[in-house]
Amino acid sequence: MDLKPIDPILRMPAVKEATGWSERTIYRRVKDKKFPSPKRLGPNSVGWPASIIAAWQESLPDAREQVAA
């Protein structure tokens, strides 16, 4: 039996720390399709797979690239 590695789920405090954004900004960017949507964990809880947040961070342009543009 092949087991997939576990992808930890990040809750809002960890996502706020990873992005430097407020909860309101995170949800605004989700609505605007500029940030990944969370996954429903239960009736009152959501979270983001750590791999999704890591992929989003990797997709961000380098600060030097923005200055040159």
N, C-alpha and C. Protein backbone atom coordinates (compact mmCIF):
# COMPACT_ATOMS: atom_id res chain seq x y z
N MET A 1 0.84 -1.18 0.00
CA MET A 1 0.00 0.00 0.00
C MET A 1 0.89 1.24 0.00
N ASP A 2 0.67 2.13 -0.98
CA ASP A 2 1.43 3.37 -1.07
C ASP A 2 0.73 4.46 -0.28
N LEU A 3 1.44 5.03 0.67
CA LEU A 3 0.89 6.13 1.45
C LEU A 3 1.43 7.44 0.91
N LYS A 4 0.53 8.40 0.75
CA LYS A 4 0.95 9.73 0.33
C LYS A 4 1.45 10.49 1.56
N PRO A 5 2.44 11.34 1.37
CA PRO A 5 2.87 12.17 2.51
C PRO A 5 1.73 13.07 2.96
N ILE A 6 1.67 13.31 4.24
CA ILE A 6 0.61 14.14 4.80
C ILE A 6 0.92 15.61 4.52
N ASP A 7 -0.07 16.30 4.01
CA ASP A 7 0.04 17.74 3.74
C ASP A 7 -0.65 18.47 4.89
N PRO A 8 0.09 19.09 5.78
CA PRO A 8 -0.54 19.75 6.93
C PRO A 8 -1.53 20.83 6.49
N ILE A 9 -2.55 21.01 7.29
CA ILE A 9 -3.54 22.05 7.05
C ILE A 9 -3.18 23.27 7.89
N LEU A 10 -3.10 24.43 7.24
CA LEU A 10 -2.79 25.66 7.96
C LEU A 10 -4.10 26.38 8.28
N ARG A 11 -4.27 26.73 9.52
CA ARG A 11 -5.44 27.48 9.94
C ARG A 11 -5.13 28.98 9.81
N MET A 12 -6.11 29.81 10.04
CA MET A 12 -6.00 31.24 9.79
C MET A 12 -4.78 31.90 10.46
N PRO A 13 -4.48 31.63 11.74
CA PRO A 13 -3.31 32.30 12.32
C PRO A 13 -2.01 32.01 11.56
N ALA A 14 -1.84 30.79 11.10
CA ALA A 14 -0.63 30.45 10.35
C ALA A 14 -0.62 31.11 8.97
N VAL A 15 -1.79 31.21 8.34
CA VAL A 15 -1.87 31.85 7.02
C VAL A 15 -1.62 33.35 7.16
N LYS A 16 -2.15 33.95 8.22
CA LYS A 16 -1.89 35.37 8.46
C LYS A 16 -0.40 35.61 8.66
N GLU A 17 0.25 34.72 9.37
CA GLU A 17 1.70 34.86 9.59
C GLU A 17 2.47 34.68 8.29
N ALA A 18 2.05 33.71 7.48
CA ALA A 18 2.75 33.43 6.22
C ALA A 18 2.61 34.56 5.20
N THR A 19 1.47 35.25 5.24
CA THR A 19 1.22 36.30 4.24
C THR A 19 1.52 37.69 4.76
N GLY A 20 1.40 37.89 6.07
CA GLY A 20 1.53 39.22 6.64
C GLY A 20 0.26 40.04 6.48
N TRP A 21 -0.83 39.40 6.08
CA TRP A 21 -2.10 40.06 5.84
C TRP A 21 -3.06 39.84 6.99
N SER A 22 -4.07 40.68 7.07
CA SER A 22 -5.15 40.48 8.04
C SER A 22 -6.12 39.43 7.49
N GLU A 23 -6.98 38.94 8.37
CA GLU A 23 -8.00 37.97 7.94
C GLU A 23 -8.90 38.57 6.86
N ARG A 24 -9.27 39.82 7.04
CA ARG A 24 -10.13 40.49 6.05
C ARG A 24 -9.46 40.56 4.68
N THR A 25 -8.18 40.89 4.66
CA THR A 25 -7.45 40.96 3.39
C THR A 25 -7.36 39.59 2.73
N ILE A 26 -7.12 38.56 3.52
CA ILE A 26 -7.04 37.20 2.97
C ILE A 26 -8.36 36.85 2.29
N TYR A 27 -9.48 37.04 2.97
CA TYR A 27 -10.76 36.69 2.38
C TYR A 27 -11.13 37.59 1.19
N ARG A 28 -10.71 38.84 1.23
CA ARG A 28 -10.94 39.73 0.08
C ARG A 28 -10.17 39.20 -1.13
N ARG A 29 -8.94 38.79 -0.92
CA ARG A 29 -8.14 38.27 -2.05
C ARG A 29 -8.65 36.93 -2.54
N VAL A 30 -9.19 36.11 -1.63
CA VAL A 30 -9.83 34.86 -2.06
C VAL A 30 -11.01 35.20 -2.98
N LYS A 31 -11.84 36.15 -2.56
CA LYS A 31 -13.01 36.56 -3.34
C LYS A 31 -12.59 37.08 -4.72
N ASP A 32 -11.49 37.83 -4.76
CA ASP A 32 -10.99 38.40 -6.01
C ASP A 32 -10.16 37.41 -6.83
N LYS A 33 -10.08 36.17 -6.35
CA LYS A 33 -9.32 35.10 -7.04
C LYS A 33 -7.82 35.41 -7.11
N LYS A 34 -7.32 36.15 -6.11
CA LYS A 34 -5.90 36.48 -6.05
C LYS A 34 -5.17 35.69 -4.97
N PHE A 35 -5.90 34.79 -4.29
CA PHE A 35 -5.34 33.95 -3.24
C PHE A 35 -6.13 32.66 -3.23
N PRO A 36 -5.48 31.53 -2.93
CA PRO A 36 -6.19 30.24 -2.97
C PRO A 36 -7.36 30.18 -1.99
N SER A 37 -8.42 29.51 -2.39
CA SER A 37 -9.58 29.31 -1.53
C SER A 37 -9.26 28.28 -0.45
N PRO A 38 -9.83 28.47 0.73
CA PRO A 38 -9.62 27.49 1.79
C PRO A 38 -10.47 26.24 1.55
N LYS A 39 -10.12 25.18 2.24
CA LYS A 39 -10.89 23.93 2.21
C LYS A 39 -11.74 23.87 3.46
N ARG A 40 -12.98 23.42 3.33
CA ARG A 40 -13.86 23.30 4.47
C ARG A 40 -13.44 22.08 5.29
N LEU A 41 -13.22 22.28 6.58
CA LEU A 41 -12.81 21.21 7.49
C LEU A 41 -13.98 20.71 8.34
N GLY A 42 -14.95 21.55 8.51
CA GLY A 42 -16.12 21.23 9.32
C GLY A 42 -17.13 22.34 9.17
N PRO A 43 -18.21 22.29 9.93
CA PRO A 43 -19.25 23.31 9.75
C PRO A 43 -18.78 24.73 10.06
N ASN A 44 -17.78 24.88 10.93
CA ASN A 44 -17.32 26.22 11.31
C ASN A 44 -15.82 26.40 11.18
N SER A 45 -15.20 25.61 10.36
CA SER A 45 -13.74 25.74 10.26
C SER A 45 -13.26 25.50 8.83
N VAL A 46 -12.23 26.25 8.48
CA VAL A 46 -11.58 26.10 7.18
C VAL A 46 -10.07 26.09 7.39
N GLY A 47 -9.36 25.65 6.37
CA GLY A 47 -7.90 25.66 6.42
C GLY A 47 -7.35 25.54 5.01
N TRP A 48 -6.09 25.82 4.88
CA TRP A 48 -5.41 25.76 3.60
C TRP A 48 -4.34 24.68 3.66
N PRO A 49 -4.28 23.77 2.69
CA PRO A 49 -3.15 22.83 2.65
C PRO A 49 -1.84 23.61 2.55
N ALA A 50 -0.86 23.22 3.34
CA ALA A 50 0.43 23.92 3.37
C ALA A 50 1.06 23.96 1.98
N SER A 51 0.88 22.91 1.19
CA SER A 51 1.49 22.88 -0.14
C SER A 51 0.88 23.94 -1.06
N ILE A 52 -0.40 24.25 -0.87
CA ILE A 52 -1.06 25.29 -1.68
C ILE A 52 -0.50 26.66 -1.33
N ILE A 53 -0.30 26.92 -0.05
CA ILE A 53 0.26 28.20 0.38
C ILE A 53 1.71 28.32 -0.10
N ALA A 54 2.47 27.23 0.00
CA ALA A 54 3.86 27.24 -0.47
C ALA A 54 3.93 27.50 -1.97
N ALA A 55 3.04 26.87 -2.74
CA ALA A 55 3.02 27.08 -4.19
C ALA A 55 2.65 28.53 -4.52
N TRP A 56 1.70 29.08 -3.77
CA TRP A 56 1.32 30.48 -3.98
C TRP A 56 2.52 31.40 -3.71
N GLN A 57 3.23 31.14 -2.60
CA GLN A 57 4.39 31.96 -2.26
C GLN A 57 5.46 31.87 -3.35
N GLU A 58 5.66 30.69 -3.90
CA GLU A 58 6.66 30.52 -4.97
C GLU A 58 6.25 31.24 -6.25
N SER A 59 4.95 31.43 -6.45
CA SER A 59 4.47 32.08 -7.67
C SER A 59 4.60 33.60 -7.62
N LEU A 60 4.88 34.14 -6.45
CA LEU A 60 5.01 35.59 -6.31
C LEU A 60 6.26 36.09 -7.04
N PRO A 61 6.16 37.23 -7.68
CA PRO A 61 7.34 37.77 -8.36
C PRO A 61 8.39 38.22 -7.35
N ASP A 62 9.62 38.13 -7.77
CA ASP A 62 10.73 38.62 -6.96
C ASP A 62 10.66 40.14 -6.88
N ALA A 63 10.98 40.71 -5.75
CA ALA A 63 10.92 42.17 -5.59
C ALA A 63 11.79 42.88 -6.63
N ARG A 64 12.93 42.29 -6.96
CA ARG A 64 13.81 42.91 -7.95
C ARG A 64 13.16 42.93 -9.32
N GLU A 65 12.35 41.89 -9.63
CA GLU A 65 11.68 41.85 -10.93
C GLU A 65 10.67 42.98 -11.04
N GLN A 66 9.98 43.32 -9.95
CA GLN A 66 8.98 44.37 -9.98
C GLN A 66 9.63 45.75 -10.17
N VAL A 67 10.80 45.96 -9.56
CA VAL A 67 11.49 47.24 -9.68
C VAL A 67 11.96 47.44 -11.12
N ALA A 68 12.43 46.37 -11.76
CA ALA A 68 12.95 46.47 -13.12
C ALA A 68 11.85 46.70 -14.14
N ALA A 69 10.62 46.32 -13.81
CA ALA A 69 9.53 46.43 -14.78
C ALA A 69 9.03 47.82 -14.99
